[in-house]
Amino acid sequence: MPTTQRLTRCRYLRKNDQQCTAEAVDPNAEVLLCTKHMARVVEHARATYARYRKESAR
């Protein structure tokens, strides 16, 4: 008998307090995010790093 595996959903909450319904990239990770929201986190981290790097060069 095949075992059914539950999908782990993204934990991102939108501005209107609705939870994202996409599947999490890594269901065993501490932070459960889908590909879209994980990409946004990476973009934000890169922008923040670039801003701090630019400010520290002054």
PDB file of N, CA and C in Angstrom:
ATOM      1  N   MET A   1       0.839  -1.174   0.000  1.00  0.00           N
ATOM      2  CA  MET A   1       0.000   0.000   0.000  1.00  0.00           C
ATOM      3  C   MET A   1       0.892   1.248   0.000  1.00  0.00           C
ATOM      4  N   PRO A   2       0.725   2.152  -0.976  1.00  0.00           N
ATOM      5  CA  PRO A   2       1.571   3.356  -1.023  1.00  0.00           C
ATOM      6  C   PRO A   2       1.221   4.317   0.104  1.00  0.00           C
ATOM      7  N   THR A   3       2.246   4.949   0.618  1.00  0.00           N
ATOM      8  CA  THR A   3       2.029   5.935   1.680  1.00  0.00           C
ATOM      9  C   THR A   3       1.832   7.310   1.051  1.00  0.00           C
ATOM     10  N   THR A   4       0.886   8.042   1.562  1.00  0.00           N
ATOM     11  CA  THR A   4       0.664   9.395   1.052  1.00  0.00           C
ATOM     12  C   THR A   4       1.476  10.365   1.890  1.00  0.00           C
ATOM     13  N   GLN A   5       2.127  11.259   1.212  1.00  0.00           N
ATOM     14  CA  GLN A   5       2.979  12.233   1.889  1.00  0.00           C
ATOM     15  C   GLN A   5       2.296  13.589   1.831  1.00  0.00           C
ATOM     16  N   ARG A   6       2.157  14.232   2.974  1.00  0.00           N
ATOM     17  CA  ARG A   6       1.536  15.553   3.022  1.00  0.00           C
ATOM     18  C   ARG A   6       2.499  16.613   2.503  1.00  0.00           C
ATOM     19  N   LEU A   7       1.964  17.559   1.793  1.00  0.00           N
ATOM     20  CA  LEU A   7       2.771  18.672   1.310  1.00  0.00           C
ATOM     21  C   LEU A   7       2.940  19.689   2.430  1.00  0.00           C
ATOM     22  N   THR A   8       4.133  20.194   2.559  1.00  0.00           N
ATOM     23  CA  THR A   8       4.406  21.240   3.530  1.00  0.00           C
ATOM     24  C   THR A   8       4.260  22.569   2.816  1.00  0.00           C
ATOM     25  N   ARG A   9       3.456  23.441   3.350  1.00  0.00           N
ATOM     26  CA  ARG A   9       3.146  24.713   2.710  1.00  0.00           C
ATOM     27  C   ARG A   9       4.069  25.827   3.188  1.00  0.00           C
ATOM     28  N   CYS A  10       4.216  26.827   2.340  1.00  0.00           N
ATOM     29  CA  CYS A  10       4.982  28.031   2.642  1.00  0.00           C
ATOM     30  C   CYS A  10       4.348  28.726   3.848  1.00  0.00           C
ATOM     31  N   ARG A  11       5.153  29.303   4.726  1.00  0.00           N
ATOM     32  CA  ARG A  11       4.649  29.966   5.924  1.00  0.00           C
ATOM     33  C   ARG A  11       4.551  31.477   5.779  1.00  0.00           C
ATOM     34  N   TYR A  12       4.769  31.993   4.582  1.00  0.00           N
ATOM     35  CA  TYR A  12       4.724  33.436   4.343  1.00  0.00           C
ATOM     36  C   TYR A  12       3.300  33.953   4.500  1.00  0.00           C
ATOM     37  N   LEU A  13       3.139  35.027   5.250  1.00  0.00           N
ATOM     38  CA  LEU A  13       1.839  35.678   5.387  1.00  0.00           C
ATOM     39  C   LEU A  13       1.844  36.951   4.559  1.00  0.00           C
ATOM     40  N   ARG A  14       0.839  37.074   3.726  1.00  0.00           N
ATOM     41  CA  ARG A  14       0.704  38.271   2.896  1.00  0.00           C
ATOM     42  C   ARG A  14       0.211  39.436   3.739  1.00  0.00           C
ATOM     43  N   LYS A  15       0.200  40.635   3.153  1.00  0.00           N
ATOM     44  CA  LYS A  15      -0.235  41.837   3.868  1.00  0.00           C
ATOM     45  C   LYS A  15      -1.661  41.721   4.387  1.00  0.00           C
ATOM     46  N   ASN A  16      -2.500  40.978   3.683  1.00  0.00           N
ATOM     47  CA  ASN A  16      -3.891  40.822   4.108  1.00  0.00           C
ATOM     48  C   ASN A  16      -4.074  39.616   5.039  1.00  0.00           C
ATOM     49  N   ASP A  17      -2.988  39.150   5.626  1.00  0.00           N
ATOM     50  CA  ASP A  17      -2.964  38.031   6.581  1.00  0.00           C
ATOM     51  C   ASP A  17      -3.387  36.696   5.983  1.00  0.00           C
ATOM     52  N   GLN A  18      -3.292  36.547   4.677  1.00  0.00           N
ATOM     53  CA  GLN A  18      -3.546  35.258   4.051  1.00  0.00           C
ATOM     54  C   GLN A  18      -2.218  34.534   3.895  1.00  0.00           C
ATOM     55  N   GLN A  19      -2.222  33.250   4.188  1.00  0.00           N
ATOM     56  CA  GLN A  19      -1.003  32.464   4.076  1.00  0.00           C
ATOM     57  C   GLN A  19      -0.802  32.013   2.634  1.00  0.00           C
ATOM     58  N   CYS A  20       0.430  32.027   2.183  1.00  0.00           N
ATOM     59  CA  CYS A  20       0.781  31.523   0.859  1.00  0.00           C
ATOM     60  C   CYS A  20       0.447  30.031   0.815  1.00  0.00           C
ATOM     61  N   THR A  21      -0.065  29.569  -0.317  1.00  0.00           N
ATOM     62  CA  THR A  21      -0.475  28.166  -0.427  1.00  0.00           C
ATOM     63  C   THR A  21       0.494  27.320  -1.244  1.00  0.00           C
ATOM     64  N   ALA A  22       1.613  27.897  -1.664  1.00  0.00           N
ATOM     65  CA  ALA A  22       2.588  27.155  -2.461  1.00  0.00           C
ATOM     66  C   ALA A  22       3.347  26.159  -1.584  1.00  0.00           C
ATOM     67  N   GLU A  23       3.925  25.176  -2.225  1.00  0.00           N
ATOM     68  CA  GLU A  23       4.688  24.149  -1.514  1.00  0.00           C
ATOM     69  C   GLU A  23       6.049  24.702  -1.082  1.00  0.00           C
ATOM     70  N   ALA A  24       6.459  24.371   0.135  1.00  0.00           N
ATOM     71  CA  ALA A  24       7.757  24.809   0.649  1.00  0.00           C
ATOM     72  C   ALA A  24       8.881  24.109  -0.112  1.00  0.00           C
ATOM     73  N   VAL A  25       9.985  24.813  -0.289  1.00  0.00           N
ATOM     74  CA  VAL A  25      11.130  24.262  -1.015  1.00  0.00           C
ATOM     75  C   VAL A  25      11.702  23.060  -0.271  1.00  0.00           C
ATOM     76  N   ASP A  26      11.948  23.220   1.017  1.00  0.00           N
ATOM     77  CA  ASP A  26      12.509  22.145   1.838  1.00  0.00           C
ATOM     78  C   ASP A  26      11.591  21.916   3.033  1.00  0.00           C
ATOM     79  N   PRO A  27      10.826  20.838   3.030  1.00  0.00           N
ATOM     80  CA  PRO A  27       9.872  20.605   4.119  1.00  0.00           C
ATOM     81  C   PRO A  27      10.530  20.318   5.468  1.00  0.00           C
ATOM     82  N   ASN A  28      11.836  20.067   5.482  1.00  0.00           N
ATOM     83  CA  ASN A  28      12.539  19.768   6.732  1.00  0.00           C
ATOM     84  C   ASN A  28      13.338  20.947   7.270  1.00  0.00           C
ATOM     85  N   ALA A  29      13.268  22.069   6.596  1.00  0.00           N
ATOM     86  CA  ALA A  29      14.033  23.247   7.004  1.00  0.00           C
ATOM     87  C   ALA A  29      13.366  23.963   8.167  1.00  0.00           C
ATOM     88  N   GLU A  30      14.135  24.820   8.836  1.00  0.00           N
ATOM     89  CA  GLU A  30      13.581  25.624   9.928  1.00  0.00           C
ATOM     90  C   GLU A  30      12.651  26.701   9.383  1.00  0.00           C
ATOM     91  N   VAL A  31      13.000  27.256   8.237  1.00  0.00           N
ATOM     92  CA  VAL A  31      12.201  28.299   7.605  1.00  0.00           C
ATOM     93  C   VAL A  31      11.513  27.667   6.399  1.00  0.00           C
ATOM     94  N   LEU A  32      10.189  27.670   6.406  1.00  0.00           N
ATOM     95  CA  LEU A  32       9.425  27.037   5.338  1.00  0.00           C
ATOM     96  C   LEU A  32       8.923  28.096   4.363  1.00  0.00           C
ATOM     97  N   LEU A  33       9.628  28.217   3.228  1.00  0.00           N
ATOM     98  CA  LEU A  33       9.263  29.194   2.212  1.00  0.00           C
ATOM     99  C   LEU A  33       9.203  28.527   0.846  1.00  0.00           C
ATOM    100  N   CYS A  34       8.316  29.051  -0.008  1.00  0.00           N
ATOM    101  CA  CYS A  34       8.248  28.576  -1.386  1.00  0.00           C
ATOM    102  C   CYS A  34       9.364  29.255  -2.187  1.00  0.00           C
ATOM    103  N   THR A  35       9.511  28.859  -3.417  1.00  0.00           N
ATOM    104  CA  THR A  35      10.562  29.412  -4.276  1.00  0.00           C
ATOM    105  C   THR A  35      10.412  30.917  -4.449  1.00  0.00           C
ATOM    106  N   LYS A  36       9.187  31.379  -4.658  1.00  0.00           N
ATOM    107  CA  LYS A  36       8.936  32.809  -4.872  1.00  0.00           C
ATOM    108  C   LYS A  36       9.362  33.637  -3.671  1.00  0.00           C
ATOM    109  N   HIS A  37       8.962  33.227  -2.491  1.00  0.00           N
ATOM    110  CA  HIS A  37       9.267  34.011  -1.300  1.00  0.00           C
ATOM    111  C   HIS A  37      10.724  33.853  -0.870  1.00  0.00           C
ATOM    112  N   MET A  38      11.316  32.700  -1.156  1.00  0.00           N
ATOM    113  CA  MET A  38      12.732  32.528  -0.873  1.00  0.00           C
ATOM    114  C   MET A  38      13.558  33.457  -1.768  1.00  0.00           C
ATOM    115  N   ALA A  39      13.146  33.607  -3.016  1.00  0.00           N
ATOM    116  CA  ALA A  39      13.843  34.512  -3.947  1.00  0.00           C
ATOM    117  C   ALA A  39      13.734  35.957  -3.468  1.00  0.00           C
ATOM    118  N   ARG A  40      12.583  36.335  -2.941  1.00  0.00           N
ATOM    119  CA  ARG A  40      12.425  37.694  -2.411  1.00  0.00           C
ATOM    120  C   ARG A  40      13.351  37.937  -1.223  1.00  0.00           C
ATOM    121  N   VAL A  41      13.521  36.954  -0.379  1.00  0.00           N
ATOM    122  CA  VAL A  41      14.423  37.085   0.766  1.00  0.00           C
ATOM    123  C   VAL A  41      15.854  37.277   0.276  1.00  0.00           C
ATOM    124  N   VAL A  42      16.253  36.499  -0.722  1.00  0.00           N
ATOM    125  CA  VAL A  42      17.611  36.617  -1.270  1.00  0.00           C
ATOM    126  C   VAL A  42      17.818  38.002  -1.898  1.00  0.00           C
ATOM    127  N   GLU A  43      16.829  38.482  -2.659  1.00  0.00           N
ATOM    128  CA  GLU A  43      16.935  39.812  -3.258  1.00  0.00           C
ATOM    129  C   GLU A  43      17.070  40.890  -2.183  1.00  0.00           C
ATOM    130  N   HIS A  44      16.288  40.778  -1.139  1.00  0.00           N
ATOM    131  CA  HIS A  44      16.344  41.756  -0.051  1.00  0.00           C
ATOM    132  C   HIS A  44      17.706  41.705   0.656  1.00  0.00           C
ATOM    133  N   ALA A  45      18.209  40.513   0.897  1.00  0.00           N
ATOM    134  CA  ALA A  45      19.510  40.368   1.553  1.00  0.00           C
ATOM    135  C   ALA A  45      20.628  40.956   0.694  1.00  0.00           C
ATOM    136  N   ARG A  46      20.582  40.709  -0.602  1.00  0.00           N
ATOM    137  CA  ARG A  46      21.608  41.260  -1.502  1.00  0.00           C
ATOM    138  C   ARG A  46      21.547  42.783  -1.545  1.00  0.00           C
ATOM    139  N   ALA A  47      20.338  43.338  -1.601  1.00  0.00           N
ATOM    140  CA  ALA A  47      20.188  44.792  -1.640  1.00  0.00           C
ATOM    141  C   ALA A  47      20.690  45.419  -0.339  1.00  0.00           C
ATOM    142  N   THR A  48      20.378  44.785   0.768  1.00  0.00           N
ATOM    143  CA  THR A  48      20.828  45.291   2.073  1.00  0.00           C
ATOM    144  C   THR A  48      22.348  45.238   2.166  1.00  0.00           C
ATOM    145  N   TYR A  49      22.935  44.123   1.727  1.00  0.00           N
ATOM    146  CA  TYR A  49      24.389  43.988   1.754  1.00  0.00           C
ATOM    147  C   TYR A  49      25.046  45.052   0.865  1.00  0.00           C
ATOM    148  N   ALA A  50      24.495  45.261  -0.323  1.00  0.00           N
ATOM    149  CA  ALA A  50      25.061  46.262  -1.239  1.00  0.00           C
ATOM    150  C   ALA A  50      24.963  47.662  -0.639  1.00  0.00           C
ATOM    151  N   ARG A  51      23.850  47.965   0.019  1.00  0.00           N
ATOM    152  CA  ARG A  51      23.675  49.286   0.630  1.00  0.00           C
ATOM    153  C   ARG A  51      24.688  49.494   1.759  1.00  0.00           C
ATOM    154  N   TYR A  52      24.845  48.499   2.618  1.00  0.00           N
ATOM    155  CA  TYR A  52      25.813  48.629   3.717  1.00  0.00           C
ATOM    156  C   TYR A  52      27.244  48.685   3.201  1.00  0.00           C
ATOM    157  N   ARG A  53      27.525  47.946   2.161  1.00  0.00           N
ATOM    158  CA  ARG A  53      28.871  47.958   1.589  1.00  0.00           C
ATOM    159  C   ARG A  53      29.172  49.340   0.999  1.00  0.00           C
ATOM    160  N   LYS A  54      28.170  49.922   0.321  1.00  0.00           N
ATOM    161  CA  LYS A  54      28.328  51.245  -0.270  1.00  0.00           C
ATOM    162  C   LYS A  54      28.533  52.295   0.819  1.00  0.00           C
ATOM    163  N   GLU A  55      27.760  52.191   1.911  1.00  0.00           N
ATOM    164  CA  GLU A  55      27.884  53.152   3.006  1.00  0.00           C
ATOM    165  C   GLU A  55      29.212  53.030   3.739  1.00  0.00           C
ATOM    166  N   SER A  56      29.741  51.825   3.855  1.00  0.00           N
ATOM    167  CA  SER A  56      30.993  51.642   4.575  1.00  0.00           C
ATOM    168  C   SER A  56      32.196  52.092   3.757  1.00  0.00           C
ATOM    169  N   ALA A  57      32.030  52.245   2.457  1.00  0.00           N
ATOM    170  CA  ALA A  57      33.126  52.681   1.590  1.00  0.00           C
ATOM    171  C   ALA A  57      33.352  54.182   1.668  1.00  0.00           C
ATOM    172  N   ARG A  58      32.421  54.892   2.259  1.00  0.00           N
ATOM    173  CA  ARG A  58      32.550  56.350   2.357  1.00  0.00           C
ATOM    174  C   ARG A  58      33.604  56.761   3.326  1.00  0.00           C
TER     175      ARG A  58
END
